[in-house]
Every structure is written in C-alpha cells, then in structure tokens.
Amino acid sequence: MQAAQTPTSKLRFVTPDKESSMSTLWQEIEFEQICSRESLMEKAAEIEKKIAVNEHERKRYEFDPTMFYENRFWNQRPDGIVINKNHRTVYILEFKRSSDIIP
C-alpha cells in the first residue's frame, strides 16, 4: 500500500518490529503529538470492555477491570500503524491469520 501512495499523501505506514508493544510505540514523539496516551486509552477502553475475558485471565490478574483492560491494550503488538498527519489520526492495523484460529 505504501508504494501506491502519491507524493502528496500525508499517510505514513509504520510497521513495528516484533518487540514493539503499544506502550513502546506510544513513547515515540510522533505518536504522542497526534494522540496522548490518556486519550488513546479512553478510546481503547470502550473497545477492550467488549472483548471477552477468559476465566483463567480473571484468576491470573485477580480481575481488577481497569488495570486488566489497560494492561491488555498496552501489551498488544499491532501488525502495523497508519498515521494521517493531515487529520491527526492514527489507525491501528490488525490482520486475521489462519494461525490465529484456535483448534
């Protein structure tokens, strides 16, 4: 997709290395200029609360909902990120793979 961009495009595709969690990425100044950590967490919390929590996760984390959802979000490793500097927007990319299917 990046190769098909026009020279005037303000989209920038970021492909984090495998070690980059959301928390690590948001330490970059470029991301923080578009969206603060707090603002991102507020928006992510709405989505995180809709994702089911397995019973073993509840026990493992002594289920404090706020901390659980925040930790789950900040520890994930996205497949990619798109930054739209014109609209000051960040898109987090996640791709479904056949290896993601649990037998």
PDB file of N, CA and C in Angstrom:
ATOM      1  N   MET A   1       0.820  -1.186   0.000  1.00  0.00           N
ATOM      2  CA  MET A   1       0.000   0.000   0.000  1.00  0.00           C
ATOM      3  C   MET A   1       0.868   1.255   0.000  1.00  0.00           C
ATOM      4  N   GLN A   2       1.939   1.218   0.722  1.00  0.00           N
ATOM      5  CA  GLN A   2       2.759   2.414   0.812  1.00  0.00           C
ATOM      6  C   GLN A   2       3.361   2.768  -0.541  1.00  0.00           C
ATOM      7  N   ALA A   3       3.696   1.772  -1.346  1.00  0.00           N
ATOM      8  CA  ALA A   3       4.285   2.027  -2.651  1.00  0.00           C
ATOM      9  C   ALA A   3       3.305   2.734  -3.581  1.00  0.00           C
ATOM     10  N   ALA A   4       2.003   2.552  -3.369  1.00  0.00           N
ATOM     11  CA  ALA A   4       0.993   3.150  -4.233  1.00  0.00           C
ATOM     12  C   ALA A   4       0.622   4.569  -3.814  1.00  0.00           C
ATOM     13  N   GLN A   5       1.222   5.078  -2.771  1.00  0.00           N
ATOM     14  CA  GLN A   5       0.887   6.411  -2.302  1.00  0.00           C
ATOM     15  C   GLN A   5       1.350   7.472  -3.288  1.00  0.00           C
ATOM     16  N   THR A   6       0.620   8.571  -3.324  1.00  0.00           N
ATOM     17  CA  THR A   6       1.041   9.706  -4.133  1.00  0.00           C
ATOM     18  C   THR A   6       2.063  10.508  -3.333  1.00  0.00           C
ATOM     19  N   PRO A   7       2.891  11.276  -4.004  1.00  0.00           N
ATOM     20  CA  PRO A   7       3.904  12.052  -3.280  1.00  0.00           C
ATOM     21  C   PRO A   7       3.314  13.046  -2.278  1.00  0.00           C
ATOM     22  N   THR A   8       2.064  13.466  -2.499  1.00  0.00           N
ATOM     23  CA  THR A   8       1.448  14.441  -1.598  1.00  0.00           C
ATOM     24  C   THR A   8       0.702  13.783  -0.443  1.00  0.00           C
ATOM     25  N   SER A   9       0.684  12.471  -0.410  1.00  0.00           N
ATOM     26  CA  SER A   9      -0.029  11.757   0.642  1.00  0.00           C
ATOM     27  C   SER A   9       0.565  12.068   2.003  1.00  0.00           C
ATOM     28  N   LYS A  10      -0.291  12.267   2.978  1.00  0.00           N
ATOM     29  CA  LYS A  10       0.166  12.530   4.342  1.00  0.00           C
ATOM     30  C   LYS A  10       0.036  11.288   5.215  1.00  0.00           C
ATOM     31  N   LEU A  11      -0.235  10.138   4.574  1.00  0.00           N
ATOM     32  CA  LEU A  11      -0.303   8.886   5.320  1.00  0.00           C
ATOM     33  C   LEU A  11       1.096   8.311   5.450  1.00  0.00           C
ATOM     34  N   ARG A  12       1.391   7.817   6.628  1.00  0.00           N
ATOM     35  CA  ARG A  12       2.667   7.138   6.827  1.00  0.00           C
ATOM     36  C   ARG A  12       2.376   5.801   7.477  1.00  0.00           C
ATOM     37  N   PHE A  13       2.850   4.729   6.848  1.00  0.00           N
ATOM     38  CA  PHE A  13       2.656   3.392   7.370  1.00  0.00           C
ATOM     39  C   PHE A  13       3.844   3.027   8.243  1.00  0.00           C
ATOM     40  N   VAL A  14       3.538   2.599   9.446  1.00  0.00           N
ATOM     41  CA  VAL A  14       4.577   2.202  10.391  1.00  0.00           C
ATOM     42  C   VAL A  14       4.408   0.713  10.633  1.00  0.00           C
ATOM     43  N   THR A  15       5.446  -0.038  10.384  1.00  0.00           N
ATOM     44  CA  THR A  15       5.412  -1.464  10.671  1.00  0.00           C
ATOM     45  C   THR A  15       6.343  -1.702  11.841  1.00  0.00           C
ATOM     46  N   PRO A  16       5.760  -1.863  13.013  1.00  0.00           N
ATOM     47  CA  PRO A  16       6.604  -2.041  14.195  1.00  0.00           C
ATOM     48  C   PRO A  16       7.346  -3.366  14.151  1.00  0.00           C
ATOM     49  N   ASP A  17       8.523  -3.387  14.768  1.00  0.00           N
ATOM     50  CA  ASP A  17       9.207  -4.670  14.873  1.00  0.00           C
ATOM     51  C   ASP A  17       8.451  -5.543  15.871  1.00  0.00           C
ATOM     52  N   LYS A  18       8.777  -6.795  15.915  1.00  0.00           N
ATOM     53  CA  LYS A  18       8.016  -7.740  16.732  1.00  0.00           C
ATOM     54  C   LYS A  18       8.077  -7.429  18.222  1.00  0.00           C
ATOM     55  N   GLU A  19       9.025  -6.640  18.626  1.00  0.00           N
ATOM     56  CA  GLU A  19       9.169  -6.334  20.042  1.00  0.00           C
ATOM     57  C   GLU A  19       8.398  -5.081  20.455  1.00  0.00           C
ATOM     58  N   SER A  20       7.782  -4.395  19.499  1.00  0.00           N
ATOM     59  CA  SER A  20       7.106  -3.137  19.807  1.00  0.00           C
ATOM     60  C   SER A  20       5.671  -3.358  20.266  1.00  0.00           C
ATOM     61  N   SER A  21       5.442  -3.084  21.521  1.00  0.00           N
ATOM     62  CA  SER A  21       4.076  -3.133  22.044  1.00  0.00           C
ATOM     63  C   SER A  21       3.468  -1.750  21.855  1.00  0.00           C
ATOM     64  N   MET A  22       2.176  -1.630  22.107  1.00  0.00           N
ATOM     65  CA  MET A  22       1.532  -0.324  22.014  1.00  0.00           C
ATOM     66  C   MET A  22       2.211   0.650  22.977  1.00  0.00           C
ATOM     67  N   SER A  23       2.566   0.176  24.137  1.00  0.00           N
ATOM     68  CA  SER A  23       3.213   1.022  25.127  1.00  0.00           C
ATOM     69  C   SER A  23       4.546   1.560  24.606  1.00  0.00           C
ATOM     70  N   THR A  24       5.331   0.701  23.987  1.00  0.00           N
ATOM     71  CA  THR A  24       6.616   1.107  23.429  1.00  0.00           C
ATOM     72  C   THR A  24       6.424   2.114  22.307  1.00  0.00           C
ATOM     73  N   LEU A  25       5.460   1.844  21.424  1.00  0.00           N
ATOM     74  CA  LEU A  25       5.210   2.742  20.298  1.00  0.00           C
ATOM     75  C   LEU A  25       4.799   4.130  20.764  1.00  0.00           C
ATOM     76  N   TRP A  26       4.000   4.195  21.816  1.00  0.00           N
ATOM     77  CA  TRP A  26       3.493   5.496  22.252  1.00  0.00           C
ATOM     78  C   TRP A  26       4.537   6.322  22.991  1.00  0.00           C
ATOM     79  N   GLN A  27       5.722   5.778  23.124  1.00  0.00           N
ATOM     80  CA  GLN A  27       6.823   6.564  23.668  1.00  0.00           C
ATOM     81  C   GLN A  27       7.470   7.416  22.576  1.00  0.00           C
ATOM     82  N   GLU A  28       7.123   7.122  21.319  1.00  0.00           N
ATOM     83  CA  GLU A  28       7.639   7.895  20.196  1.00  0.00           C
ATOM     84  C   GLU A  28       6.953   9.262  20.172  1.00  0.00           C
ATOM     85  N   ILE A  29       7.715  10.291  19.970  1.00  0.00           N
ATOM     86  CA  ILE A  29       7.179  11.658  19.974  1.00  0.00           C
ATOM     87  C   ILE A  29       6.111  11.849  18.904  1.00  0.00           C
ATOM     88  N   GLU A  30       6.302  11.259  17.737  1.00  0.00           N
ATOM     89  CA  GLU A  30       5.351  11.433  16.629  1.00  0.00           C
ATOM     90  C   GLU A  30       3.948  10.967  17.002  1.00  0.00           C
ATOM     91  N   PHE A  31       3.836   9.852  17.694  1.00  0.00           N
ATOM     92  CA  PHE A  31       2.526   9.351  18.103  1.00  0.00           C
ATOM     93  C   PHE A  31       1.912  10.253  19.163  1.00  0.00           C
ATOM     94  N   GLU A  32       2.709  10.638  20.116  1.00  0.00           N
ATOM     95  CA  GLU A  32       2.225  11.467  21.222  1.00  0.00           C
ATOM     96  C   GLU A  32       1.718  12.823  20.723  1.00  0.00           C
ATOM     97  N   GLN A  33       2.290  13.330  19.626  1.00  0.00           N
ATOM     98  CA  GLN A  33       1.844  14.606  19.069  1.00  0.00           C
ATOM     99  C   GLN A  33       0.452  14.502  18.460  1.00  0.00           C
ATOM    100  N   ILE A  34       0.070  13.330  18.030  1.00  0.00           N
ATOM    101  CA  ILE A  34      -1.246  13.132  17.411  1.00  0.00           C
ATOM    102  C   ILE A  34      -2.293  12.785  18.456  1.00  0.00           C
ATOM    103  N   CYS A  35      -1.915  11.946  19.391  1.00  0.00           N
ATOM    104  CA  CYS A  35      -2.886  11.465  20.373  1.00  0.00           C
ATOM    105  C   CYS A  35      -2.153  11.130  21.667  1.00  0.00           C
ATOM    106  N   SER A  36      -2.584  11.717  22.757  1.00  0.00           N
ATOM    107  CA  SER A  36      -1.921  11.430  24.032  1.00  0.00           C
ATOM    108  C   SER A  36      -2.225  10.004  24.470  1.00  0.00           C
ATOM    109  N   ARG A  37      -1.396   9.482  25.323  1.00  0.00           N
ATOM    110  CA  ARG A  37      -1.595   8.140  25.889  1.00  0.00           C
ATOM    111  C   ARG A  37      -2.950   8.040  26.570  1.00  0.00           C
ATOM    112  N   GLU A  38      -3.292   9.075  27.322  1.00  0.00           N
ATOM    113  CA  GLU A  38      -4.553   9.083  28.066  1.00  0.00           C
ATOM    114  C   GLU A  38      -5.755   9.079  27.127  1.00  0.00           C
ATOM    115  N   SER A  39      -5.679   9.889  26.087  1.00  0.00           N
ATOM    116  CA  SER A  39      -6.775   9.963  25.118  1.00  0.00           C
ATOM    117  C   SER A  39      -6.946   8.625  24.392  1.00  0.00           C
ATOM    118  N   LEU A  40      -5.832   8.028  24.010  1.00  0.00           N
ATOM    119  CA  LEU A  40      -5.896   6.733  23.333  1.00  0.00           C
ATOM    120  C   LEU A  40      -6.492   5.680  24.252  1.00  0.00           C
ATOM    121  N   MET A  41      -6.093   5.669  25.507  1.00  0.00           N
ATOM    122  CA  MET A  41      -6.607   4.673  26.446  1.00  0.00           C
ATOM    123  C   MET A  41      -8.101   4.848  26.662  1.00  0.00           C
ATOM    124  N   GLU A  42      -8.591   6.082  26.700  1.00  0.00           N
ATOM    125  CA  GLU A  42     -10.030   6.321  26.844  1.00  0.00           C
ATOM    126  C   GLU A  42     -10.791   5.694  25.691  1.00  0.00           C
ATOM    127  N   LYS A  43     -10.287   5.887  24.479  1.00  0.00           N
ATOM    128  CA  LYS A  43     -10.963   5.328  23.304  1.00  0.00           C
ATOM    129  C   LYS A  43     -10.830   3.811  23.264  1.00  0.00           C
ATOM    130  N   ALA A  44      -9.655   3.309  23.624  1.00  0.00           N
ATOM    131  CA  ALA A  44      -9.421   1.867  23.607  1.00  0.00           C
ATOM    132  C   ALA A  44     -10.249   1.152  24.663  1.00  0.00           C
ATOM    133  N   ALA A  45     -10.490   1.808  25.791  1.00  0.00           N
ATOM    134  CA  ALA A  45     -11.244   1.185  26.885  1.00  0.00           C
ATOM    135  C   ALA A  45     -12.644   0.783  26.421  1.00  0.00           C
ATOM    136  N   GLU A  46     -13.260   1.596  25.581  1.00  0.00           N
ATOM    137  CA  GLU A  46     -14.593   1.276  25.067  1.00  0.00           C
ATOM    138  C   GLU A  46     -14.578  -0.048  24.302  1.00  0.00           C
ATOM    139  N   ILE A  47     -13.536  -0.260  23.536  1.00  0.00           N
ATOM    140  CA  ILE A  47     -13.409  -1.484  22.735  1.00  0.00           C
ATOM    141  C   ILE A  47     -12.982  -2.656  23.609  1.00  0.00           C
ATOM    142  N   GLU A  48     -11.990  -2.437  24.450  1.00  0.00           N
ATOM    143  CA  GLU A  48     -11.470  -3.501  25.307  1.00  0.00           C
ATOM    144  C   GLU A  48     -12.561  -4.112  26.179  1.00  0.00           C
ATOM    145  N   LYS A  49     -13.473  -3.308  26.665  1.00  0.00           N
ATOM    146  CA  LYS A  49     -14.533  -3.807  27.545  1.00  0.00           C
ATOM    147  C   LYS A  49     -15.487  -4.754  26.819  1.00  0.00           C
ATOM    148  N   LYS A  50     -15.525  -4.676  25.498  1.00  0.00           N
ATOM    149  CA  LYS A  50     -16.415  -5.533  24.706  1.00  0.00           C
ATOM    150  C   LYS A  50     -15.782  -6.891  24.393  1.00  0.00           C
ATOM    151  N   ILE A  51     -14.477  -7.016  24.616  1.00  0.00           N
ATOM    152  CA  ILE A  51     -13.769  -8.263  24.326  1.00  0.00           C
ATOM    153  C   ILE A  51     -13.856  -9.182  25.542  1.00  0.00           C
ATOM    154  N   ALA A  52     -14.255 -10.401  25.302  1.00  0.00           N
ATOM    155  CA  ALA A  52     -14.444 -11.360  26.395  1.00  0.00           C
ATOM    156  C   ALA A  52     -13.146 -11.603  27.158  1.00  0.00           C
ATOM    157  N   VAL A  53     -13.306 -11.863  28.440  1.00  0.00           N
ATOM    158  CA  VAL A  53     -12.177 -12.185  29.316  1.00  0.00           C
ATOM    159  C   VAL A  53     -12.336 -13.639  29.741  1.00  0.00           C
ATOM    160  N   ASN A  54     -11.319 -14.454  29.459  1.00  0.00           N
ATOM    161  CA  ASN A  54     -11.364 -15.863  29.838  1.00  0.00           C
ATOM    162  C   ASN A  54     -11.269 -16.007  31.350  1.00  0.00           C
ATOM    163  N   GLU A  55     -11.826 -17.084  31.850  1.00  0.00           N
ATOM    164  CA  GLU A  55     -11.823 -17.330  33.295  1.00  0.00           C
ATOM    165  C   GLU A  55     -10.402 -17.405  33.853  1.00  0.00           C
ATOM    166  N   HIS A  56      -9.482 -18.053  33.113  1.00  0.00           N
ATOM    167  CA  HIS A  56      -8.104 -18.143  33.614  1.00  0.00           C
ATOM    168  C   HIS A  56      -7.444 -16.766  33.682  1.00  0.00           C
ATOM    169  N   GLU A  57      -7.861 -15.837  32.793  1.00  0.00           N
ATOM    170  CA  GLU A  57      -7.327 -14.474  32.860  1.00  0.00           C
ATOM    171  C   GLU A  57      -7.873 -13.737  34.083  1.00  0.00           C
ATOM    172  N   ARG A  58      -9.123 -13.980  34.393  1.00  0.00           N
ATOM    173  CA  ARG A  58      -9.724 -13.353  35.582  1.00  0.00           C
ATOM    174  C   ARG A  58      -8.963 -13.756  36.843  1.00  0.00           C
ATOM    175  N   LYS A  59      -8.679 -15.040  36.960  1.00  0.00           N
ATOM    176  CA  LYS A  59      -7.980 -15.542  38.143  1.00  0.00           C
ATOM    177  C   LYS A  59      -6.534 -15.059  38.162  1.00  0.00           C
ATOM    178  N   ARG A  60      -5.898 -15.102  37.017  1.00  0.00           N
ATOM    179  CA  ARG A  60      -4.489 -14.742  36.932  1.00  0.00           C
ATOM    180  C   ARG A  60      -4.249 -13.284  37.332  1.00  0.00           C
ATOM    181  N   TYR A  61      -5.142 -12.415  36.935  1.00  0.00           N
ATOM    182  CA  TYR A  61      -4.952 -10.990  37.195  1.00  0.00           C
ATOM    183  C   TYR A  61      -5.775 -10.489  38.384  1.00  0.00           C
ATOM    184  N   GLU A  62      -6.342 -11.411  39.140  1.00  0.00           N
ATOM    185  CA  GLU A  62      -7.189 -11.043  40.274  1.00  0.00           C
ATOM    186  C   GLU A  62      -8.168  -9.954  39.856  1.00  0.00           C
ATOM    187  N   PHE A  63      -8.659 -10.098  38.743  1.00  0.00           N
ATOM    188  CA  PHE A  63      -9.520  -9.230  37.947  1.00  0.00           C
ATOM    189  C   PHE A  63      -9.899  -7.866  38.512  1.00  0.00           C
ATOM    190  N   ASP A  64      -8.974  -6.952  38.361  1.00  0.00           N
ATOM    191  CA  ASP A  64      -9.248  -5.528  38.547  1.00  0.00           C
ATOM    192  C   ASP A  64      -9.532  -5.033  37.129  1.00  0.00           C
ATOM    193  N   PRO A  65     -10.813  -4.799  36.773  1.00  0.00           N
ATOM    194  CA  PRO A  65     -11.167  -4.493  35.389  1.00  0.00           C
ATOM    195  C   PRO A  65     -10.359  -3.361  34.767  1.00  0.00           C
ATOM    196  N   THR A  66     -10.190  -2.283  35.468  1.00  0.00           N
ATOM    197  CA  THR A  66      -9.476  -1.141  34.885  1.00  0.00           C
ATOM    198  C   THR A  66      -8.049  -1.513  34.528  1.00  0.00           C
ATOM    199  N   MET A  67      -7.338  -2.086  35.454  1.00  0.00           N
ATOM    200  CA  MET A  67      -5.942  -2.453  35.205  1.00  0.00           C
ATOM    201  C   MET A  67      -5.832  -3.552  34.153  1.00  0.00           C
ATOM    202  N   PHE A  68      -6.752  -4.512  34.185  1.00  0.00           N
ATOM    203  CA  PHE A  68      -6.706  -5.608  33.224  1.00  0.00           C
ATOM    204  C   PHE A  68      -6.822  -5.079  31.799  1.00  0.00           C
ATOM    205  N   TYR A  69      -7.844  -4.246  31.544  1.00  0.00           N
ATOM    206  CA  TYR A  69      -8.069  -3.737  30.189  1.00  0.00           C
ATOM    207  C   TYR A  69      -6.914  -2.853  29.728  1.00  0.00           C
ATOM    208  N   GLU A  70      -6.408  -2.035  30.621  1.00  0.00           N
ATOM    209  CA  GLU A  70      -5.287  -1.175  30.252  1.00  0.00           C
ATOM    210  C   GLU A  70      -4.048  -2.006  29.914  1.00  0.00           C
ATOM    211  N   ASN A  71      -3.739  -2.974  30.756  1.00  0.00           N
ATOM    212  CA  ASN A  71      -2.568  -3.822  30.503  1.00  0.00           C
ATOM    213  C   ASN A  71      -2.720  -4.617  29.215  1.00  0.00           C
ATOM    214  N   ARG A  72      -3.912  -5.170  28.988  1.00  0.00           N
ATOM    215  CA  ARG A  72      -4.128  -5.956  27.768  1.00  0.00           C
ATOM    216  C   ARG A  72      -3.908  -5.085  26.537  1.00  0.00           C
ATOM    217  N   PHE A  73      -4.422  -3.857  26.563  1.00  0.00           N
ATOM    218  CA  PHE A  73      -4.266  -2.964  25.418  1.00  0.00           C
ATOM    219  C   PHE A  73      -2.808  -2.577  25.207  1.00  0.00           C
ATOM    220  N   TRP A  74      -2.137  -2.087  26.234  1.00  0.00           N
ATOM    221  CA  TRP A  74      -0.777  -1.582  26.077  1.00  0.00           C
ATOM    222  C   TRP A  74       0.236  -2.674  25.776  1.00  0.00           C
ATOM    223  N   ASN A  75      -0.077  -3.930  26.110  1.00  0.00           N
ATOM    224  CA  ASN A  75       0.859  -5.023  25.855  1.00  0.00           C
ATOM    225  C   ASN A  75       0.700  -5.655  24.476  1.00  0.00           C
ATOM    226  N   GLN A  76      -0.381  -5.345  23.770  1.00  0.00           N
ATOM    227  CA  GLN A  76      -0.536  -5.960  22.453  1.00  0.00           C
ATOM    228  C   GLN A  76       0.478  -5.410  21.462  1.00  0.00           C
ATOM    229  N   ARG A  77       0.794  -6.222  20.459  1.00  0.00           N
ATOM    230  CA  ARG A  77       1.760  -5.855  19.427  1.00  0.00           C
ATOM    231  C   ARG A  77       1.020  -5.780  18.092  1.00  0.00           C
ATOM    232  N   PRO A  78       0.711  -4.568  17.642  1.00  0.00           N
ATOM    233  CA  PRO A  78      -0.060  -4.438  16.405  1.00  0.00           C
ATOM    234  C   PRO A  78       0.736  -4.862  15.181  1.00  0.00           C
ATOM    235  N   ASP A  79       0.003  -5.235  14.107  1.00  0.00           N
ATOM    236  CA  ASP A  79       0.651  -5.607  12.857  1.00  0.00           C
ATOM    237  C   ASP A  79       1.201  -4.378  12.137  1.00  0.00           C
ATOM    238  N   GLY A  80       0.567  -3.261  12.349  1.00  0.00           N
ATOM    239  CA  GLY A  80       1.022  -2.029  11.715  1.00  0.00           C
ATOM    240  C   GLY A  80       0.218  -0.856  12.222  1.00  0.00           C
ATOM    241  N   ILE A  81       0.679   0.324  11.877  1.00  0.00           N
ATOM    242  CA  ILE A  81       0.000   1.553  12.259  1.00  0.00           C
ATOM    243  C   ILE A  81       0.077   2.506  11.079  1.00  0.00           C
ATOM    244  N   VAL A  82      -1.014   3.236  10.845  1.00  0.00           N
ATOM    245  CA  VAL A  82      -1.040   4.255   9.806  1.00  0.00           C
ATOM    246  C   VAL A  82      -1.245   5.592  10.492  1.00  0.00           C
ATOM    247  N   ILE A  83      -0.399   6.538  10.150  1.00  0.00           N
ATOM    248  CA  ILE A  83      -0.512   7.881  10.704  1.00  0.00           C
ATOM    249  C   ILE A  83      -0.976   8.800   9.589  1.00  0.00           C
ATOM    250  N   ASN A  84      -2.076   9.515   9.816  1.00  0.00           N
ATOM    251  CA  ASN A  84      -2.575  10.506   8.869  1.00  0.00           C
ATOM    252  C   ASN A  84      -2.315  11.877   9.487  1.00  0.00           C
ATOM    253  N   LYS A  85      -1.250  12.509   9.027  1.00  0.00           N
ATOM    254  CA  LYS A  85      -0.850  13.785   9.625  1.00  0.00           C
ATOM    255  C   LYS A  85      -1.849  14.902   9.324  1.00  0.00           C
ATOM    256  N   ASN A  86      -2.516  14.843   8.161  1.00  0.00           N
ATOM    257  CA  ASN A  86      -3.497  15.881   7.816  1.00  0.00           C
ATOM    258  C   ASN A  86      -4.643  15.919   8.808  1.00  0.00           C
ATOM    259  N   HIS A  87      -5.151  14.755   9.157  1.00  0.00           N
ATOM    260  CA  HIS A  87      -6.318  14.666  10.033  1.00  0.00           C
ATOM    261  C   HIS A  87      -5.946  14.323  11.465  1.00  0.00           C
ATOM    262  N   ARG A  88      -4.650  14.267  11.731  1.00  0.00           N
ATOM    263  CA  ARG A  88      -4.153  13.934  13.073  1.00  0.00           C
ATOM    264  C   ARG A  88      -4.854  12.683  13.606  1.00  0.00           C
ATOM    265  N   THR A  89      -4.753  11.630  12.803  1.00  0.00           N
ATOM    266  CA  THR A  89      -5.419  10.368  13.103  1.00  0.00           C
ATOM    267  C   THR A  89      -4.411   9.232  13.056  1.00  0.00           C
ATOM    268  N   VAL A  90      -4.612   8.254  13.925  1.00  0.00           N
ATOM    269  CA  VAL A  90      -3.783   7.051  13.945  1.00  0.00           C
ATOM    270  C   VAL A  90      -4.708   5.852  13.788  1.00  0.00           C
ATOM    271  N   TYR A  91      -4.372   4.949  12.866  1.00  0.00           N
ATOM    272  CA  TYR A  91      -5.133   3.714  12.656  1.00  0.00           C
ATOM    273  C   TYR A  91      -4.254   2.550  13.075  1.00  0.00           C
ATOM    274  N   ILE A  92      -4.770   1.694  13.931  1.00  0.00           N
ATOM    275  CA  ILE A  92      -4.044   0.517  14.384  1.00  0.00           C
ATOM    276  C   ILE A  92      -4.502  -0.653  13.526  1.00  0.00           C
ATOM    277  N   LEU A  93      -3.560  -1.317  12.877  1.00  0.00           N
ATOM    278  CA  LEU A  93      -3.878  -2.405  11.957  1.00  0.00           C
ATOM    279  C   LEU A  93      -3.660  -3.767  12.614  1.00  0.00           C
ATOM    280  N   GLU A  94      -4.663  -4.599  12.499  1.00  0.00           N
ATOM    281  CA  GLU A  94      -4.573  -5.983  12.949  1.00  0.00           C
ATOM    282  C   GLU A  94      -5.126  -6.853  11.830  1.00  0.00           C
ATOM    283  N   PHE A  95      -4.399  -7.871  11.440  1.00  0.00           N
ATOM    284  CA  PHE A  95      -4.819  -8.753  10.374  1.00  0.00           C
ATOM    285  C   PHE A  95      -5.137 -10.127  10.927  1.00  0.00           C
ATOM    286  N   LYS A  96      -6.214 -10.703  10.484  1.00  0.00           N
ATOM    287  CA  LYS A  96      -6.604 -12.056  10.906  1.00  0.00           C
ATOM    288  C   LYS A  96      -5.826 -13.053  10.063  1.00  0.00           C
ATOM    289  N   ARG A  97      -5.238 -14.013  10.702  1.00  0.00           N
ATOM    290  CA  ARG A  97      -4.466 -15.046  10.000  1.00  0.00           C
ATOM    291  C   ARG A  97      -5.058 -16.414  10.333  1.00  0.00           C
ATOM    292  N   SER A  98      -4.831 -17.354   9.464  1.00  0.00           N
ATOM    293  CA  SER A  98      -5.328 -18.698   9.730  1.00  0.00           C
ATOM    294  C   SER A  98      -4.661 -19.271  10.987  1.00  0.00           C
ATOM    295  N   SER A  99      -3.451 -18.824  11.296  1.00  0.00           N
ATOM    296  CA  SER A  99      -2.757 -19.307  12.500  1.00  0.00           C
ATOM    297  C   SER A  99      -3.394 -18.731  13.770  1.00  0.00           C
ATOM    298  N   ASP A 100      -4.276 -17.734  13.643  1.00  0.00           N
ATOM    299  CA  ASP A 100      -4.971 -17.172  14.801  1.00  0.00           C
ATOM    300  C   ASP A 100      -6.149 -18.016  15.237  1.00  0.00           C
ATOM    301  N   ILE A 101      -6.547 -18.961  14.404  1.00  0.00           N
ATOM    302  CA  ILE A 101      -7.705 -19.798  14.712  1.00  0.00           C
ATOM    303  C   ILE A 101      -7.313 -20.837  15.752  1.00  0.00           C
ATOM    304  N   ILE A 102      -8.100 -20.914  16.783  1.00  0.00           N
ATOM    305  CA  ILE A 102      -7.853 -21.895  17.856  1.00  0.00           C
ATOM    306  C   ILE A 102      -8.586 -23.184  17.496  1.00  0.00           C
ATOM    307  N   PRO A 103      -7.844 -24.308  17.440  1.00  0.00           N
ATOM    308  CA  PRO A 103      -8.493 -25.579  17.046  1.00  0.00           C
ATOM    309  C   PRO A 103      -9.499 -26.061  18.080  1.00  0.00           C
TER     310      PRO A 103
END
